[in-house]
Amino acid sequence: MTDTKKTQTVRAVLLTLGLWLLTIVLTLVAISVLLDVLMRVYAAFWADGGFYSQATQTAIGIRQVLVLPLGIIAVVVAIGGAEYHREHFNTRESWRTFARTIAVQGGLLLLGVFI
């Protein structure tokens, strides 16, 4: 293998690792944003005022219940992404999967900005 080929492989590995770590961080941030969006929507339609109101306490309960399933999804994205990209390293499908994953996470982050 030539030095150029080795350098390209090392760069591809570092880029893949960096993008994978970025998707993990974005997944964790997107969970928080998604929970905030759900709280805002719930408060907009069912809030009856005050922090200690029944609607607020229900919204907090809903948020706490959703943390575990969303955390499991984050673990699935992290482990599944690592396994997928290990099997399909440096292929067109791998790069498309990165693009789609980051696009979905970016969409969730933008949803938090607009709602």
PDB file of N, CA and C in Angstrom:
ATOM      1  N   MET A   1       0.848  -1.170   0.000  1.00  0.00           N
ATOM      2  CA  MET A   1       0.000   0.000   0.000  1.00  0.00           C
ATOM      3  C   MET A   1       0.896   1.237   0.000  1.00  0.00           C
ATOM      4  N   THR A   2       0.600   2.198  -0.818  1.00  0.00           N
ATOM      5  CA  THR A   2       1.415   3.403  -0.900  1.00  0.00           C
ATOM      6  C   THR A   2       1.092   4.338   0.251  1.00  0.00           C
ATOM      7  N   ASP A   3       1.982   5.327   0.421  1.00  0.00           N
ATOM      8  CA  ASP A   3       1.769   6.301   1.499  1.00  0.00           C
ATOM      9  C   ASP A   3       0.513   7.121   1.274  1.00  0.00           C
ATOM     10  N   THR A   4       0.225   7.436   0.018  1.00  0.00           N
ATOM     11  CA  THR A   4      -0.981   8.203  -0.290  1.00  0.00           C
ATOM     12  C   THR A   4      -2.228   7.409   0.078  1.00  0.00           C
ATOM     13  N   LYS A   5      -2.215   6.123  -0.232  1.00  0.00           N
ATOM     14  CA  LYS A   5      -3.357   5.260   0.085  1.00  0.00           C
ATOM     15  C   LYS A   5      -3.529   5.141   1.597  1.00  0.00           C
ATOM     16  N   LYS A   6      -2.425   4.997   2.326  1.00  0.00           N
ATOM     17  CA  LYS A   6      -2.499   4.917   3.782  1.00  0.00           C
ATOM     18  C   LYS A   6      -3.032   6.214   4.377  1.00  0.00           C
ATOM     19  N   THR A   7      -2.572   7.345   3.842  1.00  0.00           N
ATOM     20  CA  THR A   7      -3.030   8.644   4.330  1.00  0.00           C
ATOM     21  C   THR A   7      -4.524   8.817   4.083  1.00  0.00           C
ATOM     22  N   GLN A   8      -4.994   8.411   2.908  1.00  0.00           N
ATOM     23  CA  GLN A   8      -6.420   8.510   2.594  1.00  0.00           C
ATOM     24  C   GLN A   8      -7.233   7.609   3.513  1.00  0.00           C
ATOM     25  N   THR A   9      -6.731   6.423   3.806  1.00  0.00           N
ATOM     26  CA  THR A   9      -7.439   5.512   4.695  1.00  0.00           C
ATOM     27  C   THR A   9      -7.504   6.084   6.110  1.00  0.00           C
ATOM     28  N   VAL A  10      -6.392   6.632   6.577  1.00  0.00           N
ATOM     29  CA  VAL A  10      -6.368   7.226   7.917  1.00  0.00           C
ATOM     30  C   VAL A  10      -7.339   8.405   7.972  1.00  0.00           C
ATOM     31  N   ARG A  11      -7.348   9.231   6.941  1.00  0.00           N
ATOM     32  CA  ARG A  11      -8.283  10.361   6.900  1.00  0.00           C
ATOM     33  C   ARG A  11      -9.731   9.883   6.895  1.00  0.00           C
ATOM     34  N   ALA A  12     -10.014   8.838   6.140  1.00  0.00           N
ATOM     35  CA  ALA A  12     -11.384   8.304   6.096  1.00  0.00           C
ATOM     36  C   ALA A  12     -11.792   7.755   7.460  1.00  0.00           C
ATOM     37  N   VAL A  13     -10.867   7.075   8.126  1.00  0.00           N
ATOM     38  CA  VAL A  13     -11.167   6.540   9.462  1.00  0.00           C
ATOM     39  C   VAL A  13     -11.426   7.672  10.439  1.00  0.00           C
ATOM     40  N   LEU A  14     -10.584   8.705  10.412  1.00  0.00           N
ATOM     41  CA  LEU A  14     -10.772   9.838  11.324  1.00  0.00           C
ATOM     42  C   LEU A  14     -12.067  10.596  11.025  1.00  0.00           C
ATOM     43  N   LEU A  15     -12.379  10.764   9.738  1.00  0.00           N
ATOM     44  CA  LEU A  15     -13.631  11.432   9.372  1.00  0.00           C
ATOM     45  C   LEU A  15     -14.839  10.611   9.823  1.00  0.00           C
ATOM     46  N   THR A  16     -14.779   9.311   9.614  1.00  0.00           N
ATOM     47  CA  THR A  16     -15.872   8.436  10.036  1.00  0.00           C
ATOM     48  C   THR A  16     -16.041   8.479  11.555  1.00  0.00           C
ATOM     49  N   LEU A  17     -14.946   8.403  12.273  1.00  0.00           N
ATOM     50  CA  LEU A  17     -15.007   8.458  13.733  1.00  0.00           C
ATOM     51  C   LEU A  17     -15.556   9.802  14.205  1.00  0.00           C
ATOM     52  N   GLY A  18     -15.099  10.884  13.589  1.00  0.00           N
ATOM     53  CA  GLY A  18     -15.590  12.208  13.954  1.00  0.00           C
ATOM     54  C   GLY A  18     -17.077  12.368  13.687  1.00  0.00           C
ATOM     55  N   LEU A  19     -17.526  11.914  12.523  1.00  0.00           N
ATOM     56  CA  LEU A  19     -18.957  12.010  12.208  1.00  0.00           C
ATOM     57  C   LEU A  19     -19.789  11.128  13.133  1.00  0.00           C
ATOM     58  N   TRP A  20     -19.283   9.962  13.473  1.00  0.00           N
ATOM     59  CA  TRP A  20     -20.004   9.072  14.387  1.00  0.00           C
ATOM     60  C   TRP A  20     -20.132   9.732  15.765  1.00  0.00           C
ATOM     61  N   LEU A  21     -19.056  10.329  16.251  1.00  0.00           N
ATOM     62  CA  LEU A  21     -19.123  11.032  17.537  1.00  0.00           C
ATOM     63  C   LEU A  21     -20.070  12.228  17.466  1.00  0.00           C
ATOM     64  N   LEU A  22     -20.071  12.918  16.324  1.00  0.00           N
ATOM     65  CA  LEU A  22     -21.000  14.034  16.135  1.00  0.00           C
ATOM     66  C   LEU A  22     -22.448  13.565  16.201  1.00  0.00           C
ATOM     67  N   THR A  23     -22.744  12.413  15.597  1.00  0.00           N
ATOM     68  CA  THR A  23     -24.121  11.911  15.647  1.00  0.00           C
ATOM     69  C   THR A  23     -24.519  11.533  17.069  1.00  0.00           C
ATOM     70  N   ILE A  24     -23.591  11.042  17.849  1.00  0.00           N
ATOM     71  CA  ILE A  24     -23.910  10.711  19.246  1.00  0.00           C
ATOM     72  C   ILE A  24     -24.240  11.982  20.024  1.00  0.00           C
ATOM     73  N   VAL A  25     -23.415  13.004  19.866  1.00  0.00           N
ATOM     74  CA  VAL A  25     -23.649  14.265  20.570  1.00  0.00           C
ATOM     75  C   VAL A  25     -24.966  14.888  20.111  1.00  0.00           C
ATOM     76  N   LEU A  26     -25.202  14.901  18.802  1.00  0.00           N
ATOM     77  CA  LEU A  26     -26.450  15.465  18.289  1.00  0.00           C
ATOM     78  C   LEU A  26     -27.665  14.678  18.765  1.00  0.00           C
ATOM     79  N   THR A  27     -27.528  13.369  18.911  1.00  0.00           N
ATOM     80  CA  THR A  27     -28.635  12.560  19.417  1.00  0.00           C
ATOM     81  C   THR A  27     -28.973  12.953  20.846  1.00  0.00           C
ATOM     82  N   LEU A  28     -27.974  13.126  21.677  1.00  0.00           N
ATOM     83  CA  LEU A  28     -28.228  13.510  23.066  1.00  0.00           C
ATOM     84  C   LEU A  28     -28.838  14.909  23.159  1.00  0.00           C
ATOM     85  N   VAL A  29     -28.353  15.833  22.351  1.00  0.00           N
ATOM     86  CA  VAL A  29     -28.921  17.182  22.347  1.00  0.00           C
ATOM     87  C   VAL A  29     -30.343  17.157  21.787  1.00  0.00           C
ATOM     88  N   ALA A  30     -30.563  16.361  20.745  1.00  0.00           N
ATOM     89  CA  ALA A  30     -31.894  16.277  20.131  1.00  0.00           C
ATOM     90  C   ALA A  30     -32.918  15.705  21.109  1.00  0.00           C
ATOM     91  N   ILE A  31     -32.505  14.795  21.977  1.00  0.00           N
ATOM     92  CA  ILE A  31     -33.427  14.257  22.984  1.00  0.00           C
ATOM     93  C   ILE A  31     -33.916  15.378  23.891  1.00  0.00           C
ATOM     94  N   SER A  32     -33.004  16.187  24.376  1.00  0.00           N
ATOM     95  CA  SER A  32     -33.390  17.294  25.249  1.00  0.00           C
ATOM     96  C   SER A  32     -34.300  18.280  24.526  1.00  0.00           C
ATOM     97  N   VAL A  33     -33.965  18.598  23.277  1.00  0.00           N
ATOM     98  CA  VAL A  33     -34.773  19.521  22.497  1.00  0.00           C
ATOM     99  C   VAL A  33     -36.161  18.945  22.247  1.00  0.00           C
ATOM    100  N   LEU A  34     -36.226  17.675  21.896  1.00  0.00           N
ATOM    101  CA  LEU A  34     -37.519  17.030  21.640  1.00  0.00           C
ATOM    102  C   LEU A  34     -38.395  17.027  22.888  1.00  0.00           C
ATOM    103  N   LEU A  35     -37.809  16.757  24.030  1.00  0.00           N
ATOM    104  CA  LEU A  35     -38.578  16.790  25.273  1.00  0.00           C
ATOM    105  C   LEU A  35     -39.065  18.206  25.579  1.00  0.00           C
ATOM    106  N   ASP A  36     -38.238  19.208  25.310  1.00  0.00           N
ATOM    107  CA  ASP A  36     -38.671  20.597  25.504  1.00  0.00           C
ATOM    108  C   ASP A  36     -39.820  20.955  24.568  1.00  0.00           C
ATOM    109  N   VAL A  37     -39.743  20.506  23.319  1.00  0.00           N
ATOM    110  CA  VAL A  37     -40.821  20.767  22.355  1.00  0.00           C
ATOM    111  C   VAL A  37     -42.114  20.123  22.831  1.00  0.00           C
ATOM    112  N   LEU A  38     -42.045  18.896  23.299  1.00  0.00           N
ATOM    113  CA  LEU A  38     -43.246  18.218  23.791  1.00  0.00           C
ATOM    114  C   LEU A  38     -43.828  18.938  25.000  1.00  0.00           C
ATOM    115  N   MET A  39     -42.964  19.442  25.872  1.00  0.00           N
ATOM    116  CA  MET A  39     -43.450  20.197  27.028  1.00  0.00           C
ATOM    117  C   MET A  39     -44.141  21.488  26.586  1.00  0.00           C
ATOM    118  N   ARG A  40     -43.557  22.174  25.604  1.00  0.00           N
ATOM    119  CA  ARG A  40     -44.159  23.416  25.109  1.00  0.00           C
ATOM    120  C   ARG A  40     -45.512  23.174  24.467  1.00  0.00           C
ATOM    121  N   VAL A  41     -45.598  22.124  23.670  1.00  0.00           N
ATOM    122  CA  VAL A  41     -46.871  21.812  23.012  1.00  0.00           C
ATOM    123  C   VAL A  41     -47.919  21.447  24.050  1.00  0.00           C
ATOM    124  N   TYR A  42     -47.544  20.634  25.019  1.00  0.00           N
ATOM    125  CA  TYR A  42     -48.478  20.261  26.070  1.00  0.00           C
ATOM    126  C   TYR A  42     -48.930  21.498  26.842  1.00  0.00           C
ATOM    127  N   ALA A  43     -47.981  22.368  27.170  1.00  0.00           N
ATOM    128  CA  ALA A  43     -48.331  23.576  27.928  1.00  0.00           C
ATOM    129  C   ALA A  43     -49.218  24.509  27.111  1.00  0.00           C
ATOM    130  N   ALA A  44     -48.995  24.568  25.822  1.00  0.00           N
ATOM    131  CA  ALA A  44     -49.789  25.469  24.980  1.00  0.00           C
ATOM    132  C   ALA A  44     -51.249  25.045  24.911  1.00  0.00           C
ATOM    133  N   PHE A  45     -51.517  23.756  24.949  1.00  0.00           N
ATOM    134  CA  PHE A  45     -52.888  23.286  24.781  1.00  0.00           C
ATOM    135  C   PHE A  45     -53.583  22.938  26.097  1.00  0.00           C
ATOM    136  N   TRP A  46     -52.829  22.499  27.099  1.00  0.00           N
ATOM    137  CA  TRP A  46     -53.489  22.007  28.305  1.00  0.00           C
ATOM    138  C   TRP A  46     -53.059  22.701  29.592  1.00  0.00           C
ATOM    139  N   ALA A  47     -52.218  23.702  29.486  1.00  0.00           N
ATOM    140  CA  ALA A  47     -51.746  24.359  30.707  1.00  0.00           C
ATOM    141  C   ALA A  47     -52.869  25.177  31.336  1.00  0.00           C
ATOM    142  N   ASP A  48     -52.960  25.113  32.644  1.00  0.00           N
ATOM    143  CA  ASP A  48     -53.976  25.899  33.339  1.00  0.00           C
ATOM    144  C   ASP A  48     -53.333  26.903  34.291  1.00  0.00           C
ATOM    145  N   GLY A  49     -52.051  27.185  34.063  1.00  0.00           N
ATOM    146  CA  GLY A  49     -51.376  28.240  34.816  1.00  0.00           C
ATOM    147  C   GLY A  49     -50.666  27.748  36.048  1.00  0.00           C
ATOM    148  N   GLY A  50     -49.538  28.370  36.319  1.00  0.00           N
ATOM    149  CA  GLY A  50     -48.799  28.091  37.533  1.00  0.00           C
ATOM    150  C   GLY A  50     -47.897  26.876  37.419  1.00  0.00           C
ATOM    151  N   PHE A  51     -46.767  26.945  38.113  1.00  0.00           N
ATOM    152  CA  PHE A  51     -45.814  25.843  38.069  1.00  0.00           C
ATOM    153  C   PHE A  51     -46.333  24.619  38.800  1.00  0.00           C
ATOM    154  N   TYR A  52     -47.105  24.810  39.823  1.00  0.00           N
ATOM    155  CA  TYR A  52     -47.594  23.690  40.619  1.00  0.00           C
ATOM    156  C   TYR A  52     -48.979  23.228  40.196  1.00  0.00           C
ATOM    157  N   SER A  53     -49.406  23.636  39.015  1.00  0.00           N
ATOM    158  CA  SER A  53     -50.720  23.212  38.536  1.00  0.00           C
ATOM    159  C   SER A  53     -50.679  21.740  38.134  1.00  0.00           C
ATOM    160  N   GLN A  54     -51.835  21.144  38.007  1.00  0.00           N
ATOM    161  CA  GLN A  54     -51.939  19.734  37.644  1.00  0.00           C
ATOM    162  C   GLN A  54     -51.389  19.490  36.236  1.00  0.00           C
ATOM    163  N   ALA A  55     -51.644  20.414  35.310  1.00  0.00           N
ATOM    164  CA  ALA A  55     -51.158  20.246  33.938  1.00  0.00           C
ATOM    165  C   ALA A  55     -49.634  20.275  33.879  1.00  0.00           C
ATOM    166  N   THR A  56     -49.028  21.153  34.663  1.00  0.00           N
ATOM    167  CA  THR A  56     -47.565  21.223  34.677  1.00  0.00           C
ATOM    168  C   THR A  56     -46.971  19.960  35.260  1.00  0.00           C
ATOM    169  N   GLN A  57     -47.550  19.477  36.322  1.00  0.00           N
ATOM    170  CA  GLN A  57     -47.051  18.239  36.928  1.00  0.00           C
ATOM    171  C   GLN A  57     -47.219  17.054  35.981  1.00  0.00           C
ATOM    172  N   THR A  58     -48.321  17.026  35.233  1.00  0.00           N
ATOM    173  CA  THR A  58     -48.532  15.971  34.244  1.00  0.00           C
ATOM    174  C   THR A  58     -47.494  16.068  33.138  1.00  0.00           C
ATOM    175  N   ALA A  59     -47.198  17.294  32.688  1.00  0.00           N
ATOM    176  CA  ALA A  59     -46.187  17.485  31.641  1.00  0.00           C
ATOM    177  C   ALA A  59     -44.808  17.020  32.111  1.00  0.00           C
ATOM    178  N   ILE A  60     -44.485  17.303  33.345  1.00  0.00           N
ATOM    179  CA  ILE A  60     -43.211  16.850  33.898  1.00  0.00           C
ATOM    180  C   ILE A  60     -43.191  15.329  33.975  1.00  0.00           C
ATOM    181  N   GLY A  61     -44.293  14.724  34.355  1.00  0.00           N
ATOM    182  CA  GLY A  61     -44.377  13.263  34.386  1.00  0.00           C
ATOM    183  C   GLY A  61     -44.208  12.647  33.006  1.00  0.00           C
ATOM    184  N   ILE A  62     -44.842  13.260  32.003  1.00  0.00           N
ATOM    185  CA  ILE A  62     -44.699  12.764  30.626  1.00  0.00           C
ATOM    186  C   ILE A  62     -43.238  12.846  30.194  1.00  0.00           C
ATOM    187  N   ARG A  63     -42.593  13.942  30.529  1.00  0.00           N
ATOM    188  CA  ARG A  63     -41.177  14.110  30.174  1.00  0.00           C
ATOM    189  C   ARG A  63     -40.320  13.025  30.824  1.00  0.00           C
ATOM    190  N   GLN A  64     -40.581  12.744  32.079  1.00  0.00           N
ATOM    191  CA  GLN A  64     -39.789  11.738  32.781  1.00  0.00           C
ATOM    192  C   GLN A  64     -40.020  10.341  32.219  1.00  0.00           C
ATOM    193  N   VAL A  65     -41.238  10.071  31.789  1.00  0.00           N
ATOM    194  CA  VAL A  65     -41.538   8.759  31.210  1.00  0.00           C
ATOM    195  C   VAL A  65     -40.850   8.602  29.848  1.00  0.00           C
ATOM    196  N   LEU A  66     -40.747   9.677  29.089  1.00  0.00           N
ATOM    197  CA  LEU A  66     -40.167   9.609  27.750  1.00  0.00           C
ATOM    198  C   LEU A  66     -38.641   9.566  27.742  1.00  0.00           C
ATOM    199  N   VAL A  67     -38.005   9.918  28.843  1.00  0.00           N
ATOM    200  CA  VAL A  67     -36.542   9.945  28.879  1.00  0.00           C
ATOM    201  C   VAL A  67     -35.956   8.547  28.625  1.00  0.00           C
ATOM    202  N   LEU A  68     -36.509   7.521  29.236  1.00  0.00           N
ATOM    203  CA  LEU A  68     -35.963   6.170  29.070  1.00  0.00           C
ATOM    204  C   LEU A  68     -36.085   5.661  27.632  1.00  0.00           C
ATOM    205  N   PRO A  69     -37.262   5.718  27.001  1.00  0.00           N
ATOM    206  CA  PRO A  69     -37.320   5.247  25.613  1.00  0.00           C
ATOM    207  C   PRO A  69     -36.423   6.049  24.672  1.00  0.00           C
ATOM    208  N   LEU A  70     -36.340   7.352  24.870  1.00  0.00           N
ATOM    209  CA  LEU A  70     -35.473   8.156  24.021  1.00  0.00           C
ATOM    210  C   LEU A  70     -34.001   7.858  24.305  1.00  0.00           C
ATOM    211  N   GLY A  71     -33.664   7.556  25.535  1.00  0.00           N
ATOM    212  CA  GLY A  71     -32.298   7.139  25.862  1.00  0.00           C
ATOM    213  C   GLY A  71     -31.944   5.816  25.203  1.00  0.00           C
ATOM    214  N   ILE A  72     -32.912   4.897  25.164  1.00  0.00           N
ATOM    215  CA  ILE A  72     -32.681   3.619  24.480  1.00  0.00           C
ATOM    216  C   ILE A  72     -32.465   3.854  22.992  1.00  0.00           C
ATOM    217  N   ILE A  73     -33.224   4.773  22.416  1.00  0.00           N
ATOM    218  CA  ILE A  73     -33.033   5.117  21.000  1.00  0.00           C
ATOM    219  C   ILE A  73     -31.625   5.689  20.792  1.00  0.00           C
ATOM    220  N   ALA A  74     -31.144   6.511  21.717  1.00  0.00           N
ATOM    221  CA  ALA A  74     -29.800   7.074  21.602  1.00  0.00           C
ATOM    222  C   ALA A  74     -28.743   5.977  21.619  1.00  0.00           C
ATOM    223  N   VAL A  75     -28.919   4.987  22.486  1.00  0.00           N
ATOM    224  CA  VAL A  75     -27.974   3.868  22.543  1.00  0.00           C
ATOM    225  C   VAL A  75     -28.028   3.061  21.253  1.00  0.00           C
ATOM    226  N   VAL A  76     -29.224   2.852  20.725  1.00  0.00           N
ATOM    227  CA  VAL A  76     -29.368   2.109  19.467  1.00  0.00           C
ATOM    228  C   VAL A  76     -28.689   2.862  18.327  1.00  0.00           C
ATOM    229  N   VAL A  77     -28.856   4.178  18.281  1.00  0.00           N
ATOM    230  CA  VAL A  77     -28.206   4.977  17.234  1.00  0.00           C
ATOM    231  C   VAL A  77     -26.691   4.880  17.367  1.00  0.00           C
ATOM    232  N   ALA A  78     -26.177   4.959  18.583  1.00  0.00           N
ATOM    233  CA  ALA A  78     -24.729   4.915  18.791  1.00  0.00           C
ATOM    234  C   ALA A  78     -24.148   3.553  18.425  1.00  0.00           C
ATOM    235  N   ILE A  79     -24.706   2.502  18.979  1.00  0.00           N
ATOM    236  CA  ILE A  79     -24.172   1.161  18.730  1.00  0.00           C
ATOM    237  C   ILE A  79     -24.485   0.711  17.309  1.00  0.00           C
ATOM    238  N   GLY A  80     -25.722   0.924  16.878  1.00  0.00           N
ATOM    239  CA  GLY A  80     -26.094   0.534  15.515  1.00  0.00           C
ATOM    240  C   GLY A  80     -25.295   1.285  14.466  1.00  0.00           C
ATOM    241  N   GLY A  81     -25.074   2.580  14.694  1.00  0.00           N
ATOM    242  CA  GLY A  81     -24.270   3.362  13.763  1.00  0.00           C
ATOM    243  C   GLY A  81     -22.839   2.871  13.693  1.00  0.00           C
ATOM    244  N   ALA A  82     -22.265   2.561  14.836  1.00  0.00           N
ATOM    245  CA  ALA A  82     -20.888   2.054  14.851  1.00  0.00           C
ATOM    246  C   ALA A  82     -20.787   0.728  14.106  1.00  0.00           C
ATOM    247  N   GLU A  83     -21.715  -0.171  14.355  1.00  0.00           N
ATOM    248  CA  GLU A  83     -21.691  -1.471  13.680  1.00  0.00           C
ATOM    249  C   GLU A  83     -21.931  -1.327  12.181  1.00  0.00           C
ATOM    250  N   TYR A  84     -22.876  -0.479  11.817  1.00  0.00           N
ATOM    251  CA  TYR A  84     -23.171  -0.298  10.393  1.00  0.00           C
ATOM    252  C   TYR A  84     -21.966   0.276   9.651  1.00  0.00           C
ATOM    253  N   HIS A  85     -21.364   1.288  10.235  1.00  0.00           N
ATOM    254  CA  HIS A  85     -20.242   1.928   9.559  1.00  0.00           C
ATOM    255  C   HIS A  85     -18.976   1.068   9.609  1.00  0.00           C
ATOM    256  N   ARG A  86     -18.879   0.182  10.571  1.00  0.00           N
ATOM    257  CA  ARG A  86     -17.764  -0.760  10.583  1.00  0.00           C
ATOM    258  C   ARG A  86     -17.900  -1.756   9.438  1.00  0.00           C
ATOM    259  N   GLU A  87     -19.128  -2.204   9.211  1.00  0.00           N
ATOM    260  CA  GLU A  87     -19.375  -3.179   8.137  1.00  0.00           C
ATOM    261  C   GLU A  87     -19.310  -2.541   6.750  1.00  0.00           C
ATOM    262  N   HIS A  88     -19.738  -1.294   6.638  1.00  0.00           N
ATOM    263  CA  HIS A  88     -19.819  -0.633   5.330  1.00  0.00           C
ATOM    264  C   HIS A  88     -18.849   0.537   5.249  1.00  0.00           C
ATOM    265  N   PHE A  89     -17.667   0.370   5.782  1.00  0.00           N
ATOM    266  CA  PHE A  89     -16.705   1.458   5.862  1.00  0.00           C
ATOM    267  C   PHE A  89     -16.352   1.992   4.479  1.00  0.00           C
ATOM    268  N   ASN A  90     -16.402   3.314   4.365  1.00  0.00           N
ATOM    269  CA  ASN A  90     -15.976   4.048   3.168  1.00  0.00           C
ATOM    270  C   ASN A  90     -16.749   3.633   1.910  1.00  0.00           C
ATOM    271  N   THR A  91     -18.035   3.380   2.084  1.00  0.00           N
ATOM    272  CA  THR A  91     -18.888   3.094   0.930  1.00  0.00           C
ATOM    273  C   THR A  91     -19.905   4.223   0.794  1.00  0.00           C
ATOM    274  N   ARG A  92     -20.533   4.264  -0.350  1.00  0.00           N
ATOM    275  CA  ARG A  92     -21.538   5.299  -0.607  1.00  0.00           C
ATOM    276  C   ARG A  92     -22.698   5.187   0.385  1.00  0.00           C
ATOM    277  N   GLU A  93     -23.104   3.980   0.722  1.00  0.00           N
ATOM    278  CA  GLU A  93     -24.211   3.781   1.665  1.00  0.00           C
ATOM    279  C   GLU A  93     -23.863   4.334   3.050  1.00  0.00           C
ATOM    280  N   SER A  94     -22.625   4.160   3.466  1.00  0.00           N
ATOM    281  CA  SER A  94     -22.193   4.660   4.762  1.00  0.00           C
ATOM    282  C   SER A  94     -22.275   6.178   4.815  1.00  0.00           C
ATOM    283  N   TRP A  95     -21.803   6.848   3.783  1.00  0.00           N
ATOM    284  CA  TRP A  95     -21.831   8.307   3.759  1.00  0.00           C
ATOM    285  C   TRP A  95     -23.264   8.814   3.657  1.00  0.00           C
ATOM    286  N   ARG A  96     -24.100   8.113   2.929  1.00  0.00           N
ATOM    287  CA  ARG A  96     -25.521   8.506   2.855  1.00  0.00           C
ATOM    288  C   ARG A  96     -26.197   8.359   4.209  1.00  0.00           C
ATOM    289  N   THR A  97     -25.862   7.297   4.907  1.00  0.00           N
ATOM    290  CA  THR A  97     -26.443   7.091   6.237  1.00  0.00           C
ATOM    291  C   THR A  97     -26.020   8.208   7.186  1.00  0.00           C
ATOM    292  N   PHE A  98     -24.749   8.609   7.128  1.00  0.00           N
ATOM    293  CA  PHE A  98     -24.305   9.751   7.926  1.00  0.00           C
ATOM    294  C   PHE A  98     -25.111  10.992   7.576  1.00  0.00           C
ATOM    295  N   ALA A  99     -25.261  11.256   6.295  1.00  0.00           N
ATOM    296  CA  ALA A  99     -25.982  12.454   5.852  1.00  0.00           C
ATOM    297  C   ALA A  99     -27.430  12.428   6.324  1.00  0.00           C
ATOM    298  N   ARG A 100     -28.084  11.293   6.200  1.00  0.00           N
ATOM    299  CA  ARG A 100     -29.486  11.192   6.621  1.00  0.00           C
ATOM    300  C   ARG A 100     -29.621  11.338   8.129  1.00  0.00           C
ATOM    301  N   THR A 101     -28.725  10.704   8.868  1.00  0.00           N
ATOM    302  CA  THR A 101     -28.782  10.780  10.328  1.00  0.00           C
ATOM    303  C   THR A 101     -28.590  12.217  10.802  1.00  0.00           C
ATOM    304  N   ILE A 102     -27.604  12.892  10.256  1.00  0.00           N
ATOM    305  CA  ILE A 102     -27.343  14.270  10.654  1.00  0.00           C
ATOM    306  C   ILE A 102     -28.478  15.182  10.204  1.00  0.00           C
ATOM    307  N   ALA A 103     -29.082  14.900   9.053  1.00  0.00           N
ATOM    308  CA  ALA A 103     -30.217  15.710   8.587  1.00  0.00           C
ATOM    309  C   ALA A 103     -31.415  15.563   9.518  1.00  0.00           C
ATOM    310  N   VAL A 104     -31.716  14.349   9.943  1.00  0.00           N
ATOM    311  CA  VAL A 104     -32.839  14.136  10.870  1.00  0.00           C
ATOM    312  C   VAL A 104     -32.564  14.830  12.194  1.00  0.00           C
ATOM    313  N   GLN A 105     -31.353  14.701  12.692  1.00  0.00           N
ATOM    314  CA  GLN A 105     -31.029  15.342  13.963  1.00  0.00           C
ATOM    315  C   GLN A 105     -31.042  16.864  13.837  1.00  0.00           C
ATOM    316  N   GLY A 106     -30.557  17.368  12.716  1.00  0.00           N
ATOM    317  CA  GLY A 106     -30.628  18.811  12.476  1.00  0.00           C
ATOM    318  C   GLY A 106     -32.065  19.294  12.392  1.00  0.00           C
ATOM    319  N   GLY A 107     -32.926  18.486  11.782  1.00  0.00           N
ATOM    320  CA  GLY A 107     -34.344  18.825  11.715  1.00  0.00           C
ATOM    321  C   GLY A 107     -34.978  18.892  13.094  1.00  0.00           C
ATOM    322  N   LEU A 108     -34.612  17.951  13.960  1.00  0.00           N
ATOM    323  CA  LEU A 108     -35.133  17.989  15.330  1.00  0.00           C
ATOM    324  C   LEU A 108     -34.645  19.232  16.072  1.00  0.00           C
ATOM    325  N   LEU A 109     -33.396  19.605  15.842  1.00  0.00           N
ATOM    326  CA  LEU A 109     -32.874  20.809  16.479  1.00  0.00           C
ATOM    327  C   LEU A 109     -33.565  22.055  15.950  1.00  0.00           C
ATOM    328  N   LEU A 110     -33.834  22.096  14.646  1.00  0.00           N
ATOM    329  CA  LEU A 110     -34.565  23.234  14.087  1.00  0.00           C
ATOM    330  C   LEU A 110     -36.006  23.280  14.578  1.00  0.00           C
ATOM    331  N   LEU A 111     -36.600  22.130  14.798  1.00  0.00           N
ATOM    332  CA  LEU A 111     -37.959  22.083  15.346  1.00  0.00           C
ATOM    333  C   LEU A 111     -37.986  22.763  16.714  1.00  0.00           C
ATOM    334  N   GLY A 112     -36.949  22.534  17.500  1.00  0.00           N
ATOM    335  CA  GLY A 112     -36.858  23.181  18.808  1.00  0.00           C
ATOM    336  C   GLY A 112     -36.724  24.687  18.712  1.00  0.00           C
ATOM    337  N   VAL A 113     -36.108  25.166  17.655  1.00  0.00           N
ATOM    338  CA  VAL A 113     -35.953  26.612  17.472  1.00  0.00           C
ATOM    339  C   VAL A 113     -37.282  27.259  17.116  1.00  0.00           C
ATOM    340  N   PHE A 114     -38.074  26.588  16.285  1.00  0.00           N
ATOM    341  CA  PHE A 114     -39.292  27.187  15.776  1.00  0.00           C
ATOM    342  C   PHE A 114     -40.520  26.928  16.641  1.00  0.00           C
ATOM    343  N   ILE A 115     -40.456  25.976  17.544  1.00  0.00           N
ATOM    344  CA  ILE A 115     -41.623  25.721  18.408  1.00  0.00           C
ATOM    345  C   ILE A 115     -41.257  26.123  19.834  1.00  0.00           C
TER     346      ILE A 115
END
